[in-house]
């Protein structure tokens, strides 16, 4: 065998060995079906890709239980969840009002029951709110959820399908406050709710505290005077085997801890929902301004 042939065979063998041993490092991030979730997904993806050699695949999934089941079965490696949602919709526990107690409860239960790890909260509390047009609320003298009881037979409402079904949504709200709306609420897509209330098609929606459209559309969040809604602090939730495989992920994602307050998240949502900007651009801009990734 000639020296040239030996060299070629050796080179092929080395390339084959490298291909076999060089396992591709990839994680899959999922999200729910509304703007804030997409922004957080893009934010976590950019942070991971810019702080190491892990590639990221992104998946738009749907509601809470779809994301949770996808995480459990390994279809995705992580997604951003909310503490109150995890407590009531996933763990089926009674609502609690202390933010730290809720976080500690879901963190412990997810780890013990599902081998899923809660990382540090991002800082904002996207609690549900019952929301009205400000002018109508002032006209009716409504400031609190309890004030709606007097007008419950006249007001039309539009809630997300998930809010209509969840125990920390409308069913639980009815039990907690002791009355229901006279007109059956309409199930609506999250994106259509704000348009519907702004145009007067409905009078009440299940708003989100960090939605920029509340201020933009001159809406008001009613006081939860009987303290029904639990805290909904967002945090990354990651499969434990993913962290075993990529331990650096914890440190990378925890760079976002306490970086985003309610006002900031509302503005990020507004940039996408009302200004029509791409969620990926808004996410990267935030990360660059805060020195978490370098500008490209």
Protein backbone atom coordinates (compact mmCIF):
# COMPACT_ATOMS: atom_id res chain seq x y z
CA UNK A 1 0.00 0.00 0.00
CA UNK A 2 1.37 3.36 -0.95
CA UNK A 3 2.05 6.10 1.56
CA UNK A 4 -0.67 8.24 -0.08
CA UNK A 5 -3.32 5.58 0.36
CA UNK A 6 -2.33 5.05 3.99
CA UNK A 7 -2.67 8.80 4.63
CA UNK A 8 -6.14 8.91 3.06
CA UNK A 9 -7.38 5.88 5.03
CA UNK A 10 -5.99 7.36 8.26
CA UNK A 11 -7.65 10.73 7.55
CA UNK A 12 -11.02 9.08 6.86
CA UNK A 13 -10.75 7.08 10.09
CA UNK A 14 -9.97 10.22 12.10
CA UNK A 15 -12.86 12.13 10.56
CA UNK A 16 -15.23 9.26 11.28
CA UNK A 17 -14.04 9.06 14.87
CA UNK A 18 -14.50 12.80 15.32
CA UNK A 19 -18.03 12.66 13.88
CA UNK A 20 -18.98 9.83 16.22
CA UNK A 21 -17.48 11.37 19.36
CA UNK A 22 -18.51 14.96 18.64
CA UNK A 23 -22.10 14.77 19.84
CA UNK A 24 -24.11 17.84 18.89
CA UNK A 25 -25.02 19.94 21.93
CA UNK A 26 -28.62 21.06 21.48
CA UNK A 27 -31.47 22.05 23.80
CA UNK A 28 -35.11 22.62 22.92
CA UNK A 29 -37.01 25.54 24.45
CA UNK A 30 -40.82 25.61 24.38
CA UNK A 31 -43.37 28.35 24.99
CA UNK A 32 -47.07 28.94 25.46
CA UNK A 33 -49.29 30.72 22.97
CA UNK A 34 -49.02 34.38 23.98
CA UNK A 35 -46.55 37.17 23.29
CA UNK A 36 -44.79 37.27 26.65
CA UNK A 37 -43.95 33.59 26.43
CA UNK A 38 -42.50 33.99 22.95
CA UNK A 39 -40.33 36.91 24.12
CA UNK A 40 -39.04 34.88 27.08
CA UNK A 41 -38.35 31.90 24.82
CA UNK A 42 -36.37 34.10 22.43
CA UNK A 43 -34.56 35.71 25.34
CA UNK A 44 -33.47 32.40 26.86
CA UNK A 45 -32.45 31.06 23.45
CA UNK A 46 -30.25 34.08 22.66
CA UNK A 47 -28.70 34.01 26.12
CA UNK A 48 -27.78 30.32 25.81
CA UNK A 49 -26.42 30.57 22.27
CA UNK A 50 -24.35 33.67 23.03
CA UNK A 51 -22.82 32.26 26.22
CA UNK A 52 -21.51 28.89 25.09
CA UNK A 53 -21.49 26.26 22.38
CA UNK A 54 -25.03 24.94 22.86
CA UNK A 55 -27.41 25.25 19.92
CA UNK A 56 -31.08 25.99 20.58
CA UNK A 57 -34.22 24.77 18.88
CA UNK A 58 -37.44 26.65 19.65
CA UNK A 59 -40.97 25.25 19.75
CA UNK A 60 -44.27 27.12 19.96
CA UNK A 61 -46.51 24.68 21.83
CA UNK A 62 -49.76 26.03 23.28
CA UNK A 63 -51.34 26.01 26.74
CA UNK A 64 -49.90 25.26 30.16
CA UNK A 65 -50.56 21.53 30.27
CA UNK A 66 -49.20 21.00 26.75
CA UNK A 67 -45.93 22.70 27.76
CA UNK A 68 -45.74 20.80 31.03
CA UNK A 69 -46.36 17.41 29.43
CA UNK A 70 -43.86 18.21 26.67
CA UNK A 71 -41.26 18.98 29.34
CA UNK A 72 -42.02 15.81 31.29
CA UNK A 73 -41.82 13.52 28.25
CA UNK A 74 -38.61 15.09 26.96
CA UNK A 75 -40.03 16.76 23.85
CA UNK A 76 -38.54 20.01 25.19
CA UNK A 77 -35.77 20.70 27.70
CA UNK A 78 -37.10 23.86 29.30
CA UNK A 79 -39.70 26.61 29.21
CA UNK A 80 -40.75 29.58 31.36
CA UNK A 81 -43.55 28.82 33.81
CA UNK A 82 -45.39 30.93 36.38
CA UNK A 83 -45.43 29.99 40.06
CA UNK A 84 -49.17 30.46 40.58
CA UNK A 85 -49.97 28.50 37.43
CA UNK A 86 -47.75 25.63 38.55
CA UNK A 87 -49.34 25.63 41.99
CA UNK A 88 -52.98 25.56 40.93
CA UNK A 89 -53.22 24.35 37.32
CA UNK A 90 -50.47 21.70 37.45
CA UNK A 91 -50.13 20.62 41.09
CA UNK A 92 -53.85 21.19 41.78
CA UNK A 93 -53.10 22.88 45.11
CA UNK A 94 -55.19 25.57 46.76
CA UNK A 95 -54.13 29.14 45.91
CA UNK A 96 -51.58 30.74 48.24
CA UNK A 97 -50.72 34.43 48.47
CA UNK A 98 -47.12 34.46 49.78
CA UNK A 99 -44.75 34.63 46.77
CA UNK A 100 -41.83 32.83 48.45
CA UNK A 101 -44.07 30.09 49.85
CA UNK A 102 -45.56 29.47 46.41
CA UNK A 103 -42.10 29.32 44.78
CA UNK A 104 -40.74 26.98 47.46
CA UNK A 105 -43.78 24.71 47.14
CA UNK A 106 -43.65 24.32 43.37
CA UNK A 107 -39.85 24.00 43.33
CA UNK A 108 -39.89 21.15 45.83
CA UNK A 109 -42.88 19.35 44.27
CA UNK A 110 -41.58 19.56 40.69
CA UNK A 111 -38.19 18.20 41.73
CA UNK A 112 -39.57 15.34 43.83
CA UNK A 113 -42.48 14.30 41.61
CA UNK A 114 -41.17 15.03 38.11
CA UNK A 115 -37.39 15.64 38.29
CA UNK A 116 -37.93 19.14 36.92
CA UNK A 117 -35.86 22.01 38.28
CA UNK A 118 -37.07 25.55 38.91
CA UNK A 119 -34.33 28.13 38.42
CA UNK A 120 -34.37 31.63 39.90
CA UNK A 121 -37.41 33.87 39.15
CA UNK A 122 -36.99 36.54 36.47
CA UNK A 123 -38.44 39.28 38.67
CA UNK A 124 -41.93 40.10 37.39
CA UNK A 125 -45.32 38.93 38.62
CA UNK A 126 -47.72 38.43 35.72
CA UNK A 127 -50.80 37.85 37.81
CA UNK A 128 -54.25 37.57 36.29
CA UNK A 129 -56.39 40.68 36.60
CA UNK A 130 -60.01 41.44 35.88
CA UNK A 131 -59.76 44.39 33.53
CA UNK A 132 -62.23 47.05 32.31
CA UNK A 133 -62.20 50.16 30.17
CA UNK A 134 -61.18 52.97 32.50
CA UNK A 135 -64.05 55.25 31.41
CA UNK A 136 -66.66 52.55 32.04
CA UNK A 137 -65.18 51.64 35.42
CA UNK A 138 -65.31 55.28 36.51
CA UNK A 139 -68.86 55.68 35.21
CA UNK A 140 -70.06 52.65 37.18
CA UNK A 141 -67.96 53.39 40.25
CA UNK A 142 -66.11 50.09 39.97
CA UNK A 143 -62.66 49.87 41.54
CA UNK A 144 -62.64 46.35 43.00
CA UNK A 145 -63.76 42.95 41.76
CA UNK A 146 -66.40 42.94 44.51
CA UNK A 147 -67.93 46.10 43.01
CA UNK A 148 -68.88 44.09 39.90
CA UNK A 149 -71.55 42.10 41.76
CA UNK A 150 -74.06 44.97 41.50
CA UNK A 151 -73.58 45.05 37.70
CA UNK A 152 -73.00 41.33 37.06
CA UNK A 153 -76.16 40.82 34.98
CA UNK A 154 -75.39 43.67 32.57
CA UNK A 155 -71.69 43.20 31.80
CA UNK A 156 -70.39 41.10 28.90
CA UNK A 157 -67.05 39.34 29.41
CA UNK A 158 -64.40 37.69 27.26
CA UNK A 159 -61.88 35.35 28.88
CA UNK A 160 -59.21 33.07 27.48
CA UNK A 161 -60.22 29.43 27.13
CA UNK A 162 -57.59 28.47 29.69
CA UNK A 163 -58.89 31.03 32.22
CA UNK A 164 -62.40 29.63 31.71
CA UNK A 165 -61.24 26.17 32.79
CA UNK A 166 -58.54 26.67 35.40
CA UNK A 167 -59.19 26.60 39.14
CA UNK A 168 -57.12 29.77 39.48
CA UNK A 169 -59.31 31.27 36.74
CA UNK A 170 -63.03 31.91 36.42
CA UNK A 171 -64.32 28.75 38.21
CA UNK A 172 -62.21 29.49 41.28
CA UNK A 173 -63.01 33.20 41.13
CA UNK A 174 -66.74 32.43 41.25
CA UNK A 175 -66.31 30.22 44.31
CA UNK A 176 -64.04 32.68 46.08
CA UNK A 177 -66.21 35.77 45.52
CA UNK A 178 -69.53 33.95 45.89
CA UNK A 179 -71.24 35.10 42.66
CA UNK A 180 -70.99 34.64 38.92
CA UNK A 181 -71.59 36.90 35.95
CA UNK A 182 -75.15 36.83 34.62
CA UNK A 183 -74.01 36.60 31.01
CA UNK A 184 -71.91 33.54 30.17
CA UNK A 185 -68.32 34.68 29.41
CA UNK A 186 -67.09 34.23 25.85
CA UNK A 187 -64.01 32.08 25.29
CA UNK A 188 -61.51 34.18 23.35
CA UNK A 189 -57.98 34.04 21.96
CA UNK A 190 -55.59 36.11 24.15
CA UNK A 191 -54.75 38.39 21.24
CA UNK A 192 -58.41 39.12 20.47
CA UNK A 193 -59.48 39.95 24.04
CA UNK A 194 -57.87 43.38 24.11
CA UNK A 195 -59.26 44.34 20.72
CA UNK A 196 -62.71 43.21 21.85
CA UNK A 197 -62.69 45.27 25.04
CA UNK A 198 -61.16 48.33 23.36
CA UNK A 199 -63.92 48.27 20.74
CA UNK A 200 -66.68 47.72 23.31
CA UNK A 201 -67.60 44.17 22.26
CA UNK A 202 -67.05 43.03 25.85
CA UNK A 203 -66.84 44.91 29.15
CA UNK A 204 -64.51 42.63 31.13
CA UNK A 205 -61.48 40.54 30.24
CA UNK A 206 -58.98 38.45 32.18
CA UNK A 207 -56.04 40.75 31.66
CA UNK A 208 -52.41 40.07 32.50
CA UNK A 209 -50.57 42.45 34.82
CA UNK A 210 -47.58 42.75 32.48
CA UNK A 211 -49.53 43.36 29.28
CA UNK A 212 -48.59 46.69 27.74
CA UNK A 213 -51.99 47.00 26.10
CA UNK A 214 -53.66 47.75 29.45
CA UNK A 215 -52.13 51.23 29.56
CA UNK A 216 -52.15 51.65 25.78
CA UNK A 217 -55.89 50.99 25.50
CA UNK A 218 -56.74 53.06 28.60
CA UNK A 219 -57.88 50.04 30.60
CA UNK A 220 -57.83 49.57 34.35
CA UNK A 221 -57.04 46.52 36.49
CA UNK A 222 -59.60 46.00 39.24
CA UNK A 223 -58.36 45.43 42.77
CA UNK A 224 -58.49 41.78 43.82
CA UNK A 225 -59.97 42.87 47.16
CA UNK A 226 -60.61 39.33 48.43
CA UNK A 227 -57.10 38.24 47.38
CA UNK A 228 -57.99 35.34 45.10
CA UNK A 229 -55.24 35.35 42.47
CA UNK A 230 -51.94 33.82 43.62
CA UNK A 231 -48.58 35.34 42.64
CA UNK A 232 -47.39 34.40 39.15
CA UNK A 233 -43.64 34.93 39.14
CA UNK A 234 -42.00 33.63 35.95
CA UNK A 235 -38.94 31.37 36.07
CA UNK A 236 -37.21 28.87 33.77
CA UNK A 237 -38.10 25.23 34.47
CA UNK A 238 -35.57 22.69 33.20
CA UNK A 239 -35.39 18.90 33.03
CA UNK A 240 -32.89 17.56 35.57
CA UNK A 241 -31.28 15.27 32.98
CA UNK A 242 -30.76 18.30 30.74
CA UNK A 243 -28.89 20.05 33.55
CA UNK A 244 -26.86 16.89 34.12
CA UNK A 245 -25.87 16.95 30.45
CA UNK A 246 -25.36 20.72 30.25
CA UNK A 247 -24.65 21.94 33.82
CA UNK A 248 -23.61 25.39 32.57
CA UNK A 249 -27.25 26.12 31.65
CA UNK A 250 -28.16 26.92 35.24
CA UNK A 251 -25.60 29.70 35.52
CA UNK A 252 -26.44 31.06 32.07
CA UNK A 253 -30.19 31.23 32.64
CA UNK A 254 -29.84 32.56 36.18
CA UNK A 255 -28.23 35.68 34.67
CA UNK A 256 -31.84 36.72 34.04
CA UNK A 257 -32.78 36.43 37.73
CA UNK A 258 -34.53 39.59 39.00
CA UNK A 259 -33.64 41.45 35.79
CA UNK A 260 -37.20 42.06 34.56
CA UNK A 261 -39.77 43.97 36.60
CA UNK A 262 -43.46 44.35 35.72
CA UNK A 263 -43.01 47.70 33.99
CA UNK A 264 -40.17 46.38 31.84
CA UNK A 265 -42.07 43.23 30.83
CA UNK A 266 -45.13 45.30 29.96
CA UNK A 267 -43.01 47.50 27.69
CA UNK A 268 -41.43 44.48 25.99
CA UNK A 269 -44.89 43.04 25.34
CA UNK A 270 -46.09 46.39 24.00
CA UNK A 271 -43.18 46.57 21.54
CA UNK A 272 -44.37 43.32 19.97
CA UNK A 273 -48.15 43.56 20.33
CA UNK A 274 -48.68 47.18 19.36
CA UNK A 275 -45.57 48.25 17.50
CA UNK A 276 -45.40 45.06 15.49
CA UNK A 277 -41.76 44.33 16.22
CA UNK A 278 -40.30 40.82 16.09
CA UNK A 279 -40.08 39.12 19.48
CA UNK A 280 -36.54 37.99 18.68
CA UNK A 281 -35.42 41.60 18.08
CA UNK A 282 -37.07 42.86 21.26
CA UNK A 283 -35.51 40.04 23.30
CA UNK A 284 -31.99 40.60 21.93
CA UNK A 285 -32.25 44.36 22.40
CA UNK A 286 -33.13 43.86 26.08
CA UNK A 287 -30.23 41.45 26.60
CA UNK A 288 -27.76 43.79 24.88
CA UNK A 289 -28.88 46.83 26.89
CA UNK A 290 -28.35 44.86 30.09
CA UNK A 291 -24.94 43.59 29.07
CA UNK A 292 -26.03 39.95 28.95
CA UNK A 293 -25.04 39.39 25.31
CA UNK A 294 -22.88 41.29 22.86
CA UNK A 295 -24.33 43.26 19.97
CA UNK A 296 -23.89 41.60 16.59
